[in-house]
Amino acid sequence: MECPTITLTGVTRAVYDCLVKRAKSLGLPVPTETSGNFAYADAAADFDWNEEAATLAITINRKPGWVTCDMVESQLRQAARACGGA
């Protein structure tokens, strides 16, 4: 089940590094590249960080049925704010 692309703003290098660290601490296998895709259990996503524009675009391609797209977006935005992003 796919969700619309979520674009986070204010994602500087420090914010991006913080988000990657948080994701890895949760056991998510985030690649070392700044764009690509990853999968974990019943979920998969594509991501693309644009350092110049300070944006991170994330598209959820697969997720458990009980998880809504709004839930995913809320958690991503909360994590970005906790790391200093917008």
N, C-alpha and C. Protein backbone atom coordinates (compact mmCIF):
# COMPACT_ATOMS: atom_id res chain seq x y z
N MET A 1 0.85 -1.18 0.00
CA MET A 1 0.00 0.00 0.00
C MET A 1 0.89 1.24 0.00
N GLU A 2 0.81 2.04 -1.03
CA GLU A 2 1.66 3.20 -1.20
C GLU A 2 1.05 4.44 -0.58
N CYS A 3 1.91 5.34 -0.12
CA CYS A 3 1.49 6.64 0.41
C CYS A 3 2.03 7.72 -0.52
N PRO A 4 1.37 8.88 -0.54
CA PRO A 4 1.92 10.00 -1.31
C PRO A 4 3.31 10.37 -0.78
N THR A 5 4.12 10.93 -1.65
CA THR A 5 5.47 11.34 -1.23
C THR A 5 5.37 12.41 -0.15
N ILE A 6 6.18 12.22 0.89
CA ILE A 6 6.27 13.17 2.00
C ILE A 6 7.56 13.93 1.82
N THR A 7 7.49 15.25 1.77
CA THR A 7 8.70 16.07 1.63
C THR A 7 8.94 16.84 2.92
N LEU A 8 10.06 16.56 3.55
CA LEU A 8 10.46 17.25 4.76
C LEU A 8 11.40 18.38 4.37
N THR A 9 11.25 19.54 5.00
CA THR A 9 12.07 20.71 4.69
C THR A 9 13.01 21.01 5.85
N GLY A 10 14.01 21.82 5.59
CA GLY A 10 14.97 22.18 6.62
C GLY A 10 15.88 21.03 6.99
N VAL A 11 16.05 20.08 6.07
CA VAL A 11 16.87 18.89 6.34
C VAL A 11 18.31 19.17 5.90
N THR A 12 19.04 19.80 6.78
CA THR A 12 20.46 20.08 6.57
C THR A 12 21.25 18.79 6.77
N ARG A 13 22.56 18.86 6.57
CA ARG A 13 23.42 17.69 6.79
C ARG A 13 23.27 17.19 8.23
N ALA A 14 23.26 18.10 9.20
CA ALA A 14 23.14 17.69 10.61
C ALA A 14 21.79 17.01 10.88
N VAL A 15 20.73 17.55 10.30
CA VAL A 15 19.40 16.95 10.48
C VAL A 15 19.34 15.59 9.81
N TYR A 16 19.87 15.50 8.59
CA TYR A 16 19.88 14.22 7.87
C TYR A 16 20.65 13.16 8.65
N ASP A 17 21.84 13.52 9.13
CA ASP A 17 22.65 12.57 9.90
C ASP A 17 21.91 12.12 11.16
N CYS A 18 21.23 13.04 11.81
CA CYS A 18 20.44 12.71 13.00
C CYS A 18 19.31 11.74 12.65
N LEU A 19 18.61 11.99 11.56
CA LEU A 19 17.51 11.11 11.14
C LEU A 19 18.02 9.71 10.82
N VAL A 20 19.16 9.63 10.14
CA VAL A 20 19.74 8.32 9.82
C VAL A 20 20.12 7.59 11.10
N LYS A 21 20.72 8.30 12.03
CA LYS A 21 21.11 7.70 13.31
C LYS A 21 19.89 7.18 14.06
N ARG A 22 18.82 7.97 14.09
CA ARG A 22 17.58 7.55 14.76
C ARG A 22 16.99 6.32 14.09
N ALA A 23 16.97 6.31 12.76
CA ALA A 23 16.41 5.17 12.02
C ALA A 23 17.22 3.91 12.30
N LYS A 24 18.53 4.04 12.29
CA LYS A 24 19.39 2.88 12.55
C LYS A 24 19.22 2.37 13.98
N SER A 25 18.98 3.28 14.93
CA SER A 25 18.78 2.87 16.32
C SER A 25 17.49 2.07 16.48
N LEU A 26 16.56 2.26 15.54
CA LEU A 26 15.30 1.51 15.54
C LEU A 26 15.43 0.20 14.76
N GLY A 27 16.61 -0.03 14.21
CA GLY A 27 16.84 -1.25 13.46
C GLY A 27 16.51 -1.16 11.98
N LEU A 28 16.23 0.05 11.48
CA LEU A 28 15.92 0.22 10.06
C LEU A 28 17.22 0.21 9.26
N PRO A 29 17.27 -0.56 8.19
CA PRO A 29 18.49 -0.68 7.39
C PRO A 29 18.64 0.45 6.37
N VAL A 30 18.96 1.63 6.84
CA VAL A 30 19.09 2.79 5.95
C VAL A 30 20.41 2.71 5.20
N PRO A 31 20.38 2.79 3.88
CA PRO A 31 21.62 2.74 3.09
C PRO A 31 22.50 3.96 3.39
N THR A 32 23.77 3.87 3.05
CA THR A 32 24.68 4.98 3.29
C THR A 32 24.55 6.07 2.23
N GLU A 33 23.96 5.76 1.08
CA GLU A 33 23.74 6.76 0.04
C GLU A 33 22.67 7.75 0.48
N THR A 34 22.61 8.89 -0.21
CA THR A 34 21.62 9.91 0.15
C THR A 34 20.31 9.74 -0.62
N SER A 35 20.23 8.72 -1.44
CA SER A 35 18.96 8.38 -2.09
C SER A 35 18.96 6.89 -2.37
N GLY A 36 17.78 6.36 -2.48
CA GLY A 36 17.66 4.93 -2.74
C GLY A 36 16.40 4.38 -2.13
N ASN A 37 16.47 3.13 -1.70
CA ASN A 37 15.30 2.52 -1.07
C ASN A 37 15.77 1.56 0.00
N PHE A 38 14.84 1.26 0.89
CA PHE A 38 15.12 0.26 1.92
C PHE A 38 13.83 -0.43 2.30
N ALA A 39 13.98 -1.61 2.85
CA ALA A 39 12.82 -2.41 3.27
C ALA A 39 13.09 -2.97 4.65
N TYR A 40 12.03 -3.14 5.39
CA TYR A 40 12.12 -3.71 6.74
C TYR A 40 10.79 -4.35 7.06
N ALA A 41 10.82 -5.62 7.37
CA ALA A 41 9.59 -6.38 7.68
C ALA A 41 8.57 -6.17 6.57
N ASP A 42 7.41 -5.62 6.90
CA ASP A 42 6.32 -5.42 5.93
C ASP A 42 6.31 -4.03 5.33
N ALA A 43 7.43 -3.32 5.40
CA ALA A 43 7.47 -1.94 4.91
C ALA A 43 8.63 -1.75 3.93
N ALA A 44 8.43 -0.82 3.01
CA ALA A 44 9.48 -0.45 2.07
C ALA A 44 9.28 1.01 1.68
N ALA A 45 10.39 1.70 1.43
CA ALA A 45 10.31 3.12 1.09
C ALA A 45 11.44 3.51 0.15
N ASP A 46 11.19 4.54 -0.64
CA ASP A 46 12.20 5.21 -1.45
C ASP A 46 12.47 6.54 -0.77
N PHE A 47 13.71 7.02 -0.84
CA PHE A 47 14.03 8.31 -0.25
C PHE A 47 15.03 9.04 -1.12
N ASP A 48 15.01 10.37 -1.03
CA ASP A 48 15.94 11.20 -1.79
C ASP A 48 16.20 12.47 -0.99
N TRP A 49 17.42 12.61 -0.49
CA TRP A 49 17.81 13.81 0.24
C TRP A 49 18.53 14.75 -0.70
N ASN A 50 18.05 15.99 -0.79
CA ASN A 50 18.67 17.02 -1.62
C ASN A 50 19.34 18.01 -0.67
N GLU A 51 20.64 17.90 -0.54
CA GLU A 51 21.36 18.74 0.42
C GLU A 51 21.25 20.23 0.09
N GLU A 52 21.37 20.57 -1.19
CA GLU A 52 21.27 21.99 -1.59
C GLU A 52 19.93 22.59 -1.23
N ALA A 53 18.86 21.87 -1.49
CA ALA A 53 17.51 22.36 -1.20
C ALA A 53 17.11 22.09 0.25
N ALA A 54 17.89 21.31 0.97
CA ALA A 54 17.60 20.91 2.36
C ALA A 54 16.23 20.26 2.47
N THR A 55 15.97 19.32 1.53
CA THR A 55 14.71 18.58 1.56
C THR A 55 14.98 17.08 1.56
N LEU A 56 14.07 16.35 2.14
CA LEU A 56 14.12 14.90 2.14
C LEU A 56 12.75 14.41 1.69
N ALA A 57 12.72 13.75 0.54
CA ALA A 57 11.47 13.20 0.01
C ALA A 57 11.44 11.70 0.30
N ILE A 58 10.34 11.26 0.88
CA ILE A 58 10.18 9.85 1.25
C ILE A 58 8.86 9.36 0.68
N THR A 59 8.91 8.24 -0.04
CA THR A 59 7.70 7.61 -0.57
C THR A 59 7.60 6.21 0.03
N ILE A 60 6.54 5.97 0.76
CA ILE A 60 6.30 4.66 1.34
C ILE A 60 5.65 3.80 0.25
N ASN A 61 6.32 2.73 -0.13
CA ASN A 61 5.82 1.84 -1.18
C ASN A 61 5.02 0.67 -0.63
N ARG A 62 5.31 0.30 0.60
CA ARG A 62 4.61 -0.83 1.23
C ARG A 62 4.62 -0.61 2.74
N LYS A 63 3.49 -0.90 3.38
CA LYS A 63 3.37 -0.77 4.82
C LYS A 63 2.30 -1.72 5.31
N PRO A 64 2.31 -2.05 6.60
CA PRO A 64 1.23 -2.89 7.14
C PRO A 64 -0.12 -2.18 6.98
N GLY A 65 -1.16 -2.95 6.81
CA GLY A 65 -2.49 -2.38 6.61
C GLY A 65 -3.01 -1.55 7.77
N TRP A 66 -2.56 -1.86 8.98
CA TRP A 66 -3.05 -1.12 10.15
C TRP A 66 -2.35 0.22 10.34
N VAL A 67 -1.30 0.47 9.57
CA VAL A 67 -0.57 1.73 9.64
C VAL A 67 -1.10 2.64 8.54
N THR A 68 -1.58 3.83 8.92
CA THR A 68 -2.09 4.76 7.93
C THR A 68 -0.97 5.66 7.41
N CYS A 69 -1.20 6.24 6.24
CA CYS A 69 -0.23 7.18 5.67
C CYS A 69 -0.08 8.39 6.58
N ASP A 70 -1.17 8.82 7.20
CA ASP A 70 -1.11 9.95 8.13
C ASP A 70 -0.23 9.63 9.33
N MET A 71 -0.28 8.41 9.82
CA MET A 71 0.57 7.99 10.94
C MET A 71 2.04 8.06 10.54
N VAL A 72 2.35 7.57 9.36
CA VAL A 72 3.73 7.58 8.88
C VAL A 72 4.22 9.02 8.75
N GLU A 73 3.43 9.87 8.12
CA GLU A 73 3.83 11.26 7.93
C GLU A 73 4.03 11.96 9.27
N SER A 74 3.14 11.74 10.20
CA SER A 74 3.24 12.36 11.52
C SER A 74 4.54 11.96 12.21
N GLN A 75 4.87 10.67 12.17
CA GLN A 75 6.09 10.19 12.82
C GLN A 75 7.34 10.75 12.13
N LEU A 76 7.33 10.82 10.82
CA LEU A 76 8.48 11.36 10.10
C LEU A 76 8.68 12.84 10.40
N ARG A 77 7.60 13.60 10.42
CA ARG A 77 7.71 15.03 10.70
C ARG A 77 8.15 15.28 12.15
N GLN A 78 7.66 14.46 13.06
CA GLN A 78 8.06 14.56 14.46
C GLN A 78 9.56 14.26 14.61
N ALA A 79 10.03 13.23 13.94
CA ALA A 79 11.46 12.90 14.00
C ALA A 79 12.31 14.02 13.41
N ALA A 80 11.87 14.60 12.29
CA ALA A 80 12.62 15.71 11.67
C ALA A 80 12.69 16.90 12.61
N ARG A 81 11.58 17.25 13.25
CA ARG A 81 11.58 18.36 14.20
C ARG A 81 12.50 18.07 15.38
N ALA A 82 12.50 16.83 15.88
CA ALA A 82 13.36 16.45 17.00
C ALA A 82 14.83 16.57 16.63
N CYS A 83 15.13 16.44 15.36
CA CYS A 83 16.51 16.56 14.87
C CYS A 83 16.87 17.96 14.46
N GLY A 84 15.93 18.91 14.55
CA GLY A 84 16.20 20.29 14.22
C GLY A 84 15.70 20.76 12.88
N GLY A 85 14.95 19.89 12.16
CA GLY A 85 14.37 20.27 10.87
C GLY A 85 13.02 20.95 11.05
N ALA A 86 12.41 21.29 9.94
CA ALA A 86 11.11 21.96 9.97
C ALA A 86 9.97 20.96 9.93
